[in-house]
PDB file of N, CA and C in Angstrom:
ATOM      1  N   MET A   1     161.832 179.568 109.349  1.00  0.00           N
ATOM      2  CA  MET A   1     163.267 179.784 109.342  1.00  0.00           C
ATOM      3  C   MET A   1     163.610 180.871 110.342  1.00  0.00           C
ATOM      4  N   ASP A   2     164.655 180.645 111.107  1.00  0.00           N
ATOM      5  CA  ASP A   2     165.097 181.600 112.117  1.00  0.00           C
ATOM      6  C   ASP A   2     165.762 182.787 111.430  1.00  0.00           C
ATOM      7  N   PRO A   3     165.231 184.020 111.595  1.00  0.00           N
ATOM      8  CA  PRO A   3     165.815 185.180 110.922  1.00  0.00           C
ATOM      9  C   PRO A   3     167.211 185.534 111.440  1.00  0.00           C
ATOM     10  N   MET A   4     167.581 185.044 112.608  1.00  0.00           N
ATOM     11  CA  MET A   4     168.887 185.345 113.171  1.00  0.00           C
ATOM     12  C   MET A   4     169.961 184.356 112.709  1.00  0.00           C
ATOM     13  N   LYS A   5     169.557 183.267 112.114  1.00  0.00           N
ATOM     14  CA  LYS A   5     170.499 182.243 111.659  1.00  0.00           C
ATOM     15  C   LYS A   5     171.020 182.625 110.274  1.00  0.00           C
ATOM     16  N   PRO A   6     172.361 182.686 110.109  1.00  0.00           N
ATOM     17  CA  PRO A   6     172.904 183.048 108.787  1.00  0.00           C
ATOM     18  C   PRO A   6     172.643 181.952 107.762  1.00  0.00           C
ATOM     19  N   ILE A   7     172.386 182.354 106.554  1.00  0.00           N
ATOM     20  CA  ILE A   7     172.154 181.411 105.467  1.00  0.00           C
ATOM     21  C   ILE A   7     173.505 180.959 104.933  1.00  0.00           C
ATOM     22  N   SER A   8     173.646 179.678 104.746  1.00  0.00           N
ATOM     23  CA  SER A   8     174.899 179.134 104.232  1.00  0.00           C
ATOM     24  C   SER A   8     175.056 179.512 102.766  1.00  0.00           C
ATOM     25  N   LEU A   9     176.160 180.143 102.443  1.00  0.00           N
ATOM     26  CA  LEU A   9     176.427 180.552 101.070  1.00  0.00           C
ATOM     27  C   LEU A   9     176.572 179.345 100.155  1.00  0.00           C
ATOM     28  N   MET A  10     177.252 178.297 100.633  1.00  0.00           N
ATOM     29  CA  MET A  10     177.440 177.117  99.795  1.00  0.00           C
ATOM     30  C   MET A  10     176.110 176.443  99.472  1.00  0.00           C
ATOM     31  N   THR A  11     175.209 176.405 100.425  1.00  0.00           N
ATOM     32  CA  THR A  11     173.897 175.820 100.173  1.00  0.00           C
ATOM     33  C   THR A  11     173.175 176.608  99.097  1.00  0.00           C
ATOM     34  N   THR A  12     173.257 177.924  99.168  1.00  0.00           N
ATOM     35  CA  THR A  12     172.599 178.784  98.191  1.00  0.00           C
ATOM     36  C   THR A  12     173.201 178.585  96.807  1.00  0.00           C
ATOM     37  N   ILE A  13     174.513 178.528  96.728  1.00  0.00           N
ATOM     38  CA  ILE A  13     175.180 178.328  95.441  1.00  0.00           C
ATOM     39  C   ILE A  13     174.819 176.964  94.867  1.00  0.00           C
ATOM     40  N   HIS A  14     174.828 175.933  95.702  1.00  0.00           N
ATOM     41  CA  HIS A  14     174.487 174.597  95.226  1.00  0.00           C
ATOM     42  C   HIS A  14     173.053 174.557  94.721  1.00  0.00           C
ATOM     43  N   LYS A  15     172.152 175.202  95.438  1.00  0.00           N
ATOM     44  CA  LYS A  15     170.750 175.240  95.014  1.00  0.00           C
ATOM     45  C   LYS A  15     170.619 175.979  93.682  1.00  0.00           C
ATOM     46  N   ASP A  16     171.339 177.095  93.534  1.00  0.00           N
ATOM     47  CA  ASP A  16     171.302 177.843  92.283  1.00  0.00           C
ATOM     48  C   ASP A  16     171.762 176.978  91.115  1.00  0.00           C
ATOM     49  N   VAL A  17     172.858 176.261  91.324  1.00  0.00           N
ATOM     50  CA  VAL A  17     173.432 175.464  90.243  1.00  0.00           C
ATOM     51  C   VAL A  17     172.567 174.247  89.928  1.00  0.00           C
ATOM     52  N   THR A  18     172.025 173.606  90.946  1.00  0.00           N
ATOM     53  CA  THR A  18     171.295 172.361  90.708  1.00  0.00           C
ATOM     54  C   THR A  18     169.826 172.563  90.357  1.00  0.00           C
ATOM     55  N   GLU A  19     169.212 173.632  90.824  1.00  0.00           N
ATOM     56  CA  GLU A  19     167.774 173.800  90.591  1.00  0.00           C
ATOM     57  C   GLU A  19     167.430 174.983  89.704  1.00  0.00           C
ATOM     58  N   ARG A  20     167.949 176.125  89.998  1.00  0.00           N
ATOM     59  CA  ARG A  20     167.537 177.339  89.286  1.00  0.00           C
ATOM     60  C   ARG A  20     168.163 177.458  87.907  1.00  0.00           C
ATOM     61  N   LEU A  21     169.404 177.000  87.757  1.00  0.00           N
ATOM     62  CA  LEU A  21     170.099 177.113  86.474  1.00  0.00           C
ATOM     63  C   LEU A  21     169.410 176.291  85.395  1.00  0.00           C
ATOM     64  N   VAL A  22     168.774 175.203  85.766  1.00  0.00           N
ATOM     65  CA  VAL A  22     168.059 174.361  84.796  1.00  0.00           C
ATOM     66  C   VAL A  22     166.986 175.174  84.074  1.00  0.00           C
ATOM     67  N   LYS A  23     166.330 176.037  84.800  1.00  0.00           N
ATOM     68  CA  LYS A  23     165.268 176.867  84.206  1.00  0.00           C
ATOM     69  C   LYS A  23     165.834 177.990  83.344  1.00  0.00           C
ATOM     70  N   ILE A  24     167.024 178.455  83.689  1.00  0.00           N
ATOM     71  CA  ILE A  24     167.622 179.594  82.983  1.00  0.00           C
ATOM     72  C   ILE A  24     168.399 179.131  81.749  1.00  0.00           C
ATOM     73  N   ASN A  25     169.249 178.121  81.931  1.00  0.00           N
ATOM     74  CA  ASN A  25     170.105 177.647  80.845  1.00  0.00           C
ATOM     75  C   ASN A  25     170.350 176.149  81.022  1.00  0.00           C
ATOM     76  N   PRO A  26     169.501 175.312  80.453  1.00  0.00           N
ATOM     77  CA  PRO A  26     169.618 173.864  80.641  1.00  0.00           C
ATOM     78  C   PRO A  26     170.963 173.280  80.195  1.00  0.00           C
ATOM     79  N   ASN A  27     171.534 173.786  79.110  1.00  0.00           N
ATOM     80  CA  ASN A  27     172.813 173.269  78.629  1.00  0.00           C
ATOM     81  C   ASN A  27     173.916 173.537  79.652  1.00  0.00           C
ATOM     82  N   LEU A  28     173.975 174.753  80.163  1.00  0.00           N
ATOM     83  CA  LEU A  28     174.966 175.099  81.173  1.00  0.00           C
ATOM     84  C   LEU A  28     174.721 174.321  82.462  1.00  0.00           C
ATOM     85  N   ALA A  29     173.461 174.073  82.781  1.00  0.00           N
ATOM     86  CA  ALA A  29     173.127 173.294  83.974  1.00  0.00           C
ATOM     87  C   ALA A  29     173.669 171.875  83.869  1.00  0.00           C
ATOM     88  N   ASN A  30     173.591 171.277  82.673  1.00  0.00           N
ATOM     89  CA  ASN A  30     174.136 169.933  82.469  1.00  0.00           C
ATOM     90  C   ASN A  30     175.652 169.916  82.635  1.00  0.00           C
ATOM     91  N   GLN A  31     176.326 170.949  82.144  1.00  0.00           N
ATOM     92  CA  GLN A  31     177.775 171.045  82.293  1.00  0.00           C
ATOM     93  C   GLN A  31     178.148 171.213  83.770  1.00  0.00           C
ATOM     94  N   ALA A  32     177.412 172.052  84.473  1.00  0.00           N
ATOM     95  CA  ALA A  32     177.674 172.282  85.895  1.00  0.00           C
ATOM     96  C   ALA A  32     177.430 171.007  86.695  1.00  0.00           C
ATOM     97  N   LYS A  33     176.397 170.259  86.333  1.00  0.00           N
ATOM     98  CA  LYS A  33     176.097 169.007  87.020  1.00  0.00           C
ATOM     99  C   LYS A  33     177.248 168.015  86.861  1.00  0.00           C
ATOM    100  N   ALA A  34     177.828 167.971  85.670  1.00  0.00           N
ATOM    101  CA  ALA A  34     178.962 167.075  85.429  1.00  0.00           C
ATOM    102  C   ALA A  34     180.145 167.449  86.323  1.00  0.00           C
ATOM    103  N   VAL A  35     180.417 168.741  86.449  1.00  0.00           N
ATOM    104  CA  VAL A  35     181.512 169.198  87.306  1.00  0.00           C
ATOM    105  C   VAL A  35     181.228 168.859  88.764  1.00  0.00           C
ATOM    106  N   LEU A  36     179.997 169.065  89.211  1.00  0.00           N
ATOM    107  CA  LEU A  36     179.630 168.740  90.591  1.00  0.00           C
ATOM    108  C   LEU A  36     179.760 167.245  90.868  1.00  0.00           C
ATOM    109  N   GLU A  37     179.407 166.417  89.909  1.00  0.00           N
ATOM    110  CA  GLU A  37     179.531 164.965  90.086  1.00  0.00           C
ATOM    111  C   GLU A  37     180.992 164.537  90.197  1.00  0.00           C
ATOM    112  N   ILE A  38     181.856 165.139  89.383  1.00  0.00           N
ATOM    113  CA  ILE A  38     183.293 164.839  89.472  1.00  0.00           C
ATOM    114  C   ILE A  38     183.817 165.248  90.843  1.00  0.00           C
ATOM    115  N   ASN A  39     183.444 166.460  91.266  1.00  0.00           N
ATOM    116  CA  ASN A  39     183.883 166.954  92.570  1.00  0.00           C
ATOM    117  C   ASN A  39     183.412 166.026  93.686  1.00  0.00           C
ATOM    118  N   LYS A  40     182.171 165.594  93.606  1.00  0.00           N
ATOM    119  CA  LYS A  40     181.611 164.714  94.629  1.00  0.00           C
ATOM    120  C   LYS A  40     182.350 163.378  94.669  1.00  0.00           C
ATOM    121  N   SER A  41     182.718 162.870  93.499  1.00  0.00           N
ATOM    122  CA  SER A  41     183.394 161.577  93.457  1.00  0.00           C
ATOM    123  C   SER A  41     184.844 161.655  93.930  1.00  0.00           C
ATOM    124  N   GLU A  42     185.444 162.838  93.914  1.00  0.00           N
ATOM    125  CA  GLU A  42     186.847 162.999  94.300  1.00  0.00           C
ATOM    126  C   GLU A  42     187.048 163.599  95.679  1.00  0.00           C
ATOM    127  N   ARG A  43     186.016 164.106  96.306  1.00  0.00           N
ATOM    128  CA  ARG A  43     186.228 164.841  97.561  1.00  0.00           C
ATOM    129  C   ARG A  43     186.756 163.969  98.690  1.00  0.00           C
ATOM    130  N   HIS A  44     186.421 162.692  98.704  1.00  0.00           N
ATOM    131  CA  HIS A  44     186.968 161.818  99.755  1.00  0.00           C
ATOM    132  C   HIS A  44     188.477 161.657  99.594  1.00  0.00           C
ATOM    133  N   ILE A  45     188.948 161.715  98.363  1.00  0.00           N
ATOM    134  CA  ILE A  45     190.390 161.623  98.121  1.00  0.00           C
ATOM    135  C   ILE A  45     191.088 162.880  98.648  1.00  0.00           C
ATOM    136  N   ARG A  46     190.533 164.043  98.335  1.00  0.00           N
ATOM    137  CA  ARG A  46     191.120 165.300  98.823  1.00  0.00           C
ATOM    138  C   ARG A  46     191.086 165.355 100.338  1.00  0.00           C
ATOM    139  N   GLY A  47     190.017 164.880 100.935  1.00  0.00           N
ATOM    140  CA  GLY A  47     189.916 164.860 102.392  1.00  0.00           C
ATOM    141  C   GLY A  47     190.968 163.955 103.007  1.00  0.00           C
ATOM    142  N   GLY A  48     191.184 162.805 102.396  1.00  0.00           N
ATOM    143  CA  GLY A  48     192.201 161.883 102.885  1.00  0.00           C
ATOM    144  C   GLY A  48     193.596 162.469 102.782  1.00  0.00           C
ATOM    145  N   LEU A  49     193.870 163.160 101.683  1.00  0.00           N
ATOM    146  CA  LEU A  49     195.175 163.795 101.520  1.00  0.00           C
ATOM    147  C   LEU A  49     195.375 164.911 102.537  1.00  0.00           C
ATOM    148  N   ALA A  50     194.327 165.676 102.793  1.00  0.00           N
ATOM    149  CA  ALA A  50     194.417 166.757 103.776  1.00  0.00           C
ATOM    150  C   ALA A  50     194.669 166.194 105.172  1.00  0.00           C
ATOM    151  N   THR A  51     194.000 165.096 105.498  1.00  0.00           N
ATOM    152  CA  THR A  51     194.203 164.469 106.807  1.00  0.00           C
ATOM    153  C   THR A  51     195.617 163.917 106.918  1.00  0.00           C
ATOM    154  N   LYS A  52     196.092 163.285 105.867  1.00  0.00           N
ATOM    155  CA  LYS A  52     197.452 162.754 105.864  1.00  0.00           C
ATOM    156  C   LYS A  52     198.466 163.880 106.072  1.00  0.00           C
ATOM    157  N   GLU A  53     198.258 164.971 105.358  1.00  0.00           N
ATOM    158  CA  GLU A  53     199.160 166.120 105.482  1.00  0.00           C
ATOM    159  C   GLU A  53     199.114 166.702 106.898  1.00  0.00           C
ATOM    160  N   LYS A  54     197.931 166.762 107.471  1.00  0.00           N
ATOM    161  CA  LYS A  54     197.775 167.280 108.830  1.00  0.00           C
ATOM    162  C   LYS A  54     198.596 166.449 109.816  1.00  0.00           C
ATOM    163  N   TYR A  55     198.453 165.141 109.756  1.00  0.00           N
ATOM    164  CA  TYR A  55     199.157 164.295 110.705  1.00  0.00           C
ATOM    165  C   TYR A  55     200.651 164.213 110.433  1.00  0.00           C
ATOM    166  N   MET A  56     201.040 164.403 109.188  1.00  0.00           N
ATOM    167  CA  MET A  56     202.468 164.472 108.886  1.00  0.00           C
ATOM    168  C   MET A  56     203.063 165.740 109.505  1.00  0.00           C
ATOM    169  N   THR A  57     202.306 166.825 109.468  1.00  0.00           N
ATOM    170  CA  THR A  57     202.755 168.076 110.066  1.00  0.00           C
ATOM    171  C   THR A  57     202.842 167.940 111.579  1.00  0.00           C
ATOM    172  N   ILE A  58     201.844 167.319 112.183  1.00  0.00           N
ATOM    173  CA  ILE A  58     201.819 167.136 113.632  1.00  0.00           C
ATOM    174  C   ILE A  58     202.989 166.265 114.084  1.00  0.00           C
ATOM    175  N   SER A  59     203.297 165.231 113.319  1.00  0.00           N
ATOM    176  CA  SER A  59     204.359 164.312 113.719  1.00  0.00           C
ATOM    177  C   SER A  59     205.751 164.875 113.451  1.00  0.00           C
ATOM    178  N   GLY A  60     205.817 166.013 112.773  1.00  0.00           N
ATOM    179  CA  GLY A  60     207.106 166.635 112.505  1.00  0.00           C
ATOM    180  C   GLY A  60     207.732 166.208 111.199  1.00  0.00           C
ATOM    181  N   THR A  61     207.049 165.385 110.441  1.00  0.00           N
ATOM    182  CA  THR A  61     207.549 164.991 109.134  1.00  0.00           C
ATOM    183  C   THR A  61     207.317 166.161 108.182  1.00  0.00           C
ATOM    184  N   ASN A  62     208.355 166.623 107.560  1.00  0.00           N
ATOM    185  CA  ASN A  62     208.236 167.793 106.691  1.00  0.00           C
ATOM    186  C   ASN A  62     207.918 167.439 105.252  1.00  0.00           C
ATOM    187  N   THR A  63     207.676 166.182 104.967  1.00  0.00           N
ATOM    188  CA  THR A  63     207.355 165.771 103.619  1.00  0.00           C
ATOM    189  C   THR A  63     205.935 166.225 103.300  1.00  0.00           C
ATOM    190  N   ARG A  64     205.796 167.018 102.283  1.00  0.00           N
ATOM    191  CA  ARG A  64     204.495 167.536 101.886  1.00  0.00           C
ATOM    192  C   ARG A  64     203.909 166.642 100.796  1.00  0.00           C
ATOM    193  N   VAL A  65     202.632 166.417 100.869  1.00  0.00           N
ATOM    194  CA  VAL A  65     201.948 165.645  99.836  1.00  0.00           C
ATOM    195  C   VAL A  65     201.955 166.494  98.579  1.00  0.00           C
ATOM    196  N   THR A  66     202.513 165.973  97.503  1.00  0.00           N
ATOM    197  CA  THR A  66     202.673 166.801  96.301  1.00  0.00           C
ATOM    198  C   THR A  66     201.517 166.655  95.316  1.00  0.00           C
ATOM    199  N   LYS A  67     200.845 165.534  95.332  1.00  0.00           N
ATOM    200  CA  LYS A  67     199.755 165.343  94.380  1.00  0.00           C
ATOM    201  C   LYS A  67     198.447 165.778  95.011  1.00  0.00           C
ATOM    202  N   ARG A  68     197.884 166.864  94.499  1.00  0.00           N
ATOM    203  CA  ARG A  68     196.604 167.377  94.992  1.00  0.00           C
ATOM    204  C   ARG A  68     195.601 167.308  93.861  1.00  0.00           C
ATOM    205  N   TYR A  69     194.360 167.055  94.178  1.00  0.00           N
ATOM    206  CA  TYR A  69     193.313 166.991  93.167  1.00  0.00           C
ATOM    207  C   TYR A  69     192.566 168.279  93.130  1.00  0.00           C
TER     208      TYR A  69
END
């Protein structure tokens, strides 16, 4: 590993939640896994809404997307 390359915080947090938490608190790890799965299944929707909002802003349409996940 390159010592000059910064470690991604999100990677570290994800690793903690998915691997290390199982050893510390299996029940909490199962709950966290459920939340991560929901987030994973919905992130394409949030990305699509963000892209839609971006292009609406660029085109000058002031209508804001009101439903956010």
